[in-house]
Structure formats: structure tokens, C-alpha cells
């Protein structure tokens, strides 16, 4: 069985930061065949980091904490979803994130 974007768009991660909860839904836009902003920024930094975008901002400036948190939460979700597909029902513990299944 493969993971569909629809399933991933229903799952979110919550942060475990001591200063307050941050709800991250890294695959929310993927269900509409659209890429999330963090994914677009990641690819801009990866492929065109020294170039400027249409607003005059260098792409490397998009490498920020917000986009990193979304990317890490996406990785955390994918690892857990693949483990579940493989028959491992235990959720991988994280010091940063916890998984929320949205309805």
C-alpha cells in the first residue's frame, strides 16, 4: 500500500515546545495537487539559492526556522506512516513533535 497525499493532508504534527504549541500540517496543500510553501522554499534554496525571486529576495533567505520545522515535521510524519504500512504500530517518539490525526 502506498501513502496518498489525501491521507497525509489529514495528519498534522504538534510541537512540544515549552513556549507554546505550534500546529504544523506540512502536507495540507498537497491534496489539491499544489505544493506547500515550505516545499517551494526548500526547492528554491536547493536549486537557486544565489538567485533572487520576483520580489527581489535571495532564495537562500527562505532557509528559515519556520520552513525547517515544516520539513522536519513532514519527515517525522512520513517515517511514522511508512512504519505503519510496514506493520509497525508503535509511533516513533520525538522530543520535538507529536502526531495529531485530524478528522
C-alpha atoms as a PDB file:
ATOM      1  CA  UNK A   1       0.000   0.000   0.000  1.00  0.00           C
ATOM      2  CA  UNK A   2       1.294   3.452  -0.792  1.00  0.00           C
ATOM      3  CA  UNK A   3       0.740   6.696   1.072  1.00  0.00           C
ATOM      4  CA  UNK A   4      -1.648   9.065  -0.618  1.00  0.00           C
ATOM      5  CA  UNK A   5      -1.443  12.828  -0.359  1.00  0.00           C
ATOM      6  CA  UNK A   6      -5.045  12.828   0.839  1.00  0.00           C
ATOM      7  CA  UNK A   7      -4.136  10.732   3.884  1.00  0.00           C
ATOM      8  CA  UNK A   8      -1.065  12.860   4.602  1.00  0.00           C
ATOM      9  CA  UNK A   9      -3.103  16.052   4.350  1.00  0.00           C
ATOM     10  CA  UNK A  10      -5.270  14.853   7.249  1.00  0.00           C
ATOM     11  CA  UNK A  11      -2.349  14.316   9.606  1.00  0.00           C
ATOM     12  CA  UNK A  12      -0.662  17.111  11.484  1.00  0.00           C
ATOM     13  CA  UNK A  13       2.115  17.414  13.997  1.00  0.00           C
ATOM     14  CA  UNK A  14       2.058  19.491  17.103  1.00  0.00           C
ATOM     15  CA  UNK A  15       5.209  20.875  18.610  1.00  0.00           C
ATOM     16  CA  UNK A  16       6.378  20.054  22.108  1.00  0.00           C
ATOM     17  CA  UNK A  17       7.981  23.426  22.696  1.00  0.00           C
ATOM     18  CA  UNK A  18       7.889  24.792  26.246  1.00  0.00           C
ATOM     19  CA  UNK A  19       6.727  28.205  24.984  1.00  0.00           C
ATOM     20  CA  UNK A  20       3.518  27.070  23.386  1.00  0.00           C
ATOM     21  CA  UNK A  21       2.003  24.662  20.900  1.00  0.00           C
ATOM     22  CA  UNK A  22       2.562  25.165  17.182  1.00  0.00           C
ATOM     23  CA  UNK A  23       0.317  23.151  14.868  1.00  0.00           C
ATOM     24  CA  UNK A  24       2.118  22.063  11.694  1.00  0.00           C
ATOM     25  CA  UNK A  25       0.287  20.466   8.754  1.00  0.00           C
ATOM     26  CA  UNK A  26       3.122  20.031   6.244  1.00  0.00           C
ATOM     27  CA  UNK A  27       1.093  18.227   3.569  1.00  0.00           C
ATOM     28  CA  UNK A  28      -2.105  20.296   3.767  1.00  0.00           C
ATOM     29  CA  UNK A  29      -1.857  21.813   0.264  1.00  0.00           C
ATOM     30  CA  UNK A  30      -0.605  18.605  -1.363  1.00  0.00           C
ATOM     31  CA  UNK A  31      -4.127  17.134  -1.528  1.00  0.00           C
ATOM     32  CA  UNK A  32      -5.085  19.757  -4.124  1.00  0.00           C
ATOM     33  CA  UNK A  33      -2.062  18.919  -6.330  1.00  0.00           C
ATOM     34  CA  UNK A  34      -0.347  22.020  -5.048  1.00  0.00           C
ATOM     35  CA  UNK A  35       2.944  22.239  -3.186  1.00  0.00           C
ATOM     36  CA  UNK A  36       3.191  23.773   0.252  1.00  0.00           C
ATOM     37  CA  UNK A  37       5.129  26.991   0.731  1.00  0.00           C
ATOM     38  CA  UNK A  38       7.848  25.217   2.731  1.00  0.00           C
ATOM     39  CA  UNK A  39       8.358  22.734  -0.125  1.00  0.00           C
ATOM     40  CA  UNK A  40       8.622  25.520  -2.721  1.00  0.00           C
ATOM     41  CA  UNK A  41      11.102  27.360  -0.498  1.00  0.00           C
ATOM     42  CA  UNK A  42      13.142  24.193   0.012  1.00  0.00           C
ATOM     43  CA  UNK A  43      13.444  23.672  -3.739  1.00  0.00           C
ATOM     44  CA  UNK A  44      14.283  27.345  -4.327  1.00  0.00           C
ATOM     45  CA  UNK A  45      17.080  27.147  -1.775  1.00  0.00           C
ATOM     46  CA  UNK A  46      18.303  23.818  -3.151  1.00  0.00           C
ATOM     47  CA  UNK A  47      18.366  24.770  -6.824  1.00  0.00           C
ATOM     48  CA  UNK A  48      18.594  28.576  -6.994  1.00  0.00           C
ATOM     49  CA  UNK A  49      19.977  29.757  -3.656  1.00  0.00           C
ATOM     50  CA  UNK A  50      22.052  32.646  -5.081  1.00  0.00           C
ATOM     51  CA  UNK A  51      19.312  33.996  -7.339  1.00  0.00           C
ATOM     52  CA  UNK A  52      16.555  36.450  -6.426  1.00  0.00           C
ATOM     53  CA  UNK A  53      12.842  35.798  -6.691  1.00  0.00           C
ATOM     54  CA  UNK A  54      10.333  38.140  -8.324  1.00  0.00           C
ATOM     55  CA  UNK A  55      10.170  40.282  -5.162  1.00  0.00           C
ATOM     56  CA  UNK A  56      13.958  40.748  -5.054  1.00  0.00           C
ATOM     57  CA  UNK A  57      14.653  38.378  -2.149  1.00  0.00           C
ATOM     58  CA  UNK A  58      17.503  35.881  -2.451  1.00  0.00           C
ATOM     59  CA  UNK A  59      16.252  32.312  -2.302  1.00  0.00           C
ATOM     60  CA  UNK A  60      18.745  31.400   0.448  1.00  0.00           C
ATOM     61  CA  UNK A  61      16.837  33.770   2.763  1.00  0.00           C
ATOM     62  CA  UNK A  62      13.965  31.291   2.660  1.00  0.00           C
ATOM     63  CA  UNK A  63      16.085  28.837   4.650  1.00  0.00           C
ATOM     64  CA  UNK A  64      14.491  29.806   7.951  1.00  0.00           C
ATOM     65  CA  UNK A  65      13.310  28.132  11.135  1.00  0.00           C
ATOM     66  CA  UNK A  66       9.673  28.023  10.040  1.00  0.00           C
ATOM     67  CA  UNK A  67      10.470  26.085   6.852  1.00  0.00           C
ATOM     68  CA  UNK A  68      12.876  23.779   8.693  1.00  0.00           C
ATOM     69  CA  UNK A  69      10.185  22.936  11.270  1.00  0.00           C
ATOM     70  CA  UNK A  70       7.725  22.099   8.494  1.00  0.00           C
ATOM     71  CA  UNK A  71      10.307  19.935   6.718  1.00  0.00           C
ATOM     72  CA  UNK A  72      11.240  18.083   9.916  1.00  0.00           C
ATOM     73  CA  UNK A  73       7.598  17.536  10.832  1.00  0.00           C
ATOM     74  CA  UNK A  74       6.984  16.180   7.311  1.00  0.00           C
ATOM     75  CA  UNK A  75       9.884  13.759   7.711  1.00  0.00           C
ATOM     76  CA  UNK A  76       8.599  12.675  11.125  1.00  0.00           C
ATOM     77  CA  UNK A  77       5.131  12.016   9.671  1.00  0.00           C
ATOM     78  CA  UNK A  78       6.496  10.094   6.687  1.00  0.00           C
ATOM     79  CA  UNK A  79       8.712   7.873   8.825  1.00  0.00           C
ATOM     80  CA  UNK A  80       5.771   7.002  11.071  1.00  0.00           C
ATOM     81  CA  UNK A  81       3.381   6.434   8.175  1.00  0.00           C
ATOM     82  CA  UNK A  82       5.852   4.145   6.366  1.00  0.00           C
ATOM     83  CA  UNK A  83       6.457   2.205   9.586  1.00  0.00           C
ATOM     84  CA  UNK A  84       2.694   1.776   9.936  1.00  0.00           C
ATOM     85  CA  UNK A  85       2.481   0.496   6.333  1.00  0.00           C
ATOM     86  CA  UNK A  86       5.217  -2.000   7.223  1.00  0.00           C
ATOM     87  CA  UNK A  87       3.192  -3.302  10.170  1.00  0.00           C
ATOM     88  CA  UNK A  88       4.972  -1.436  12.964  1.00  0.00           C
ATOM     89  CA  UNK A  89       2.212   0.148  15.030  1.00  0.00           C
ATOM     90  CA  UNK A  90       4.405   1.941  17.566  1.00  0.00           C
ATOM     91  CA  UNK A  91       4.798   5.665  16.942  1.00  0.00           C
ATOM     92  CA  UNK A  92       8.394   6.804  16.853  1.00  0.00           C
ATOM     93  CA  UNK A  93       8.989   9.063  19.843  1.00  0.00           C
ATOM     94  CA  UNK A  94      10.164  12.607  19.217  1.00  0.00           C
ATOM     95  CA  UNK A  95      11.367  15.353  21.511  1.00  0.00           C
ATOM     96  CA  UNK A  96      10.015  17.964  19.076  1.00  0.00           C
ATOM     97  CA  UNK A  97       6.738  16.662  17.652  1.00  0.00           C
ATOM     98  CA  UNK A  98       3.624  14.685  18.411  1.00  0.00           C
ATOM     99  CA  UNK A  99       1.174  13.379  15.809  1.00  0.00           C
ATOM    100  CA  UNK A 100      -2.462  14.525  15.603  1.00  0.00           C
ATOM    101  CA  UNK A 101      -4.929  12.763  13.309  1.00  0.00           C
ATOM    102  CA  UNK A 102      -7.387  15.371  12.040  1.00  0.00           C
ATOM    103  CA  UNK A 103     -10.922  14.487  11.060  1.00  0.00           C
END
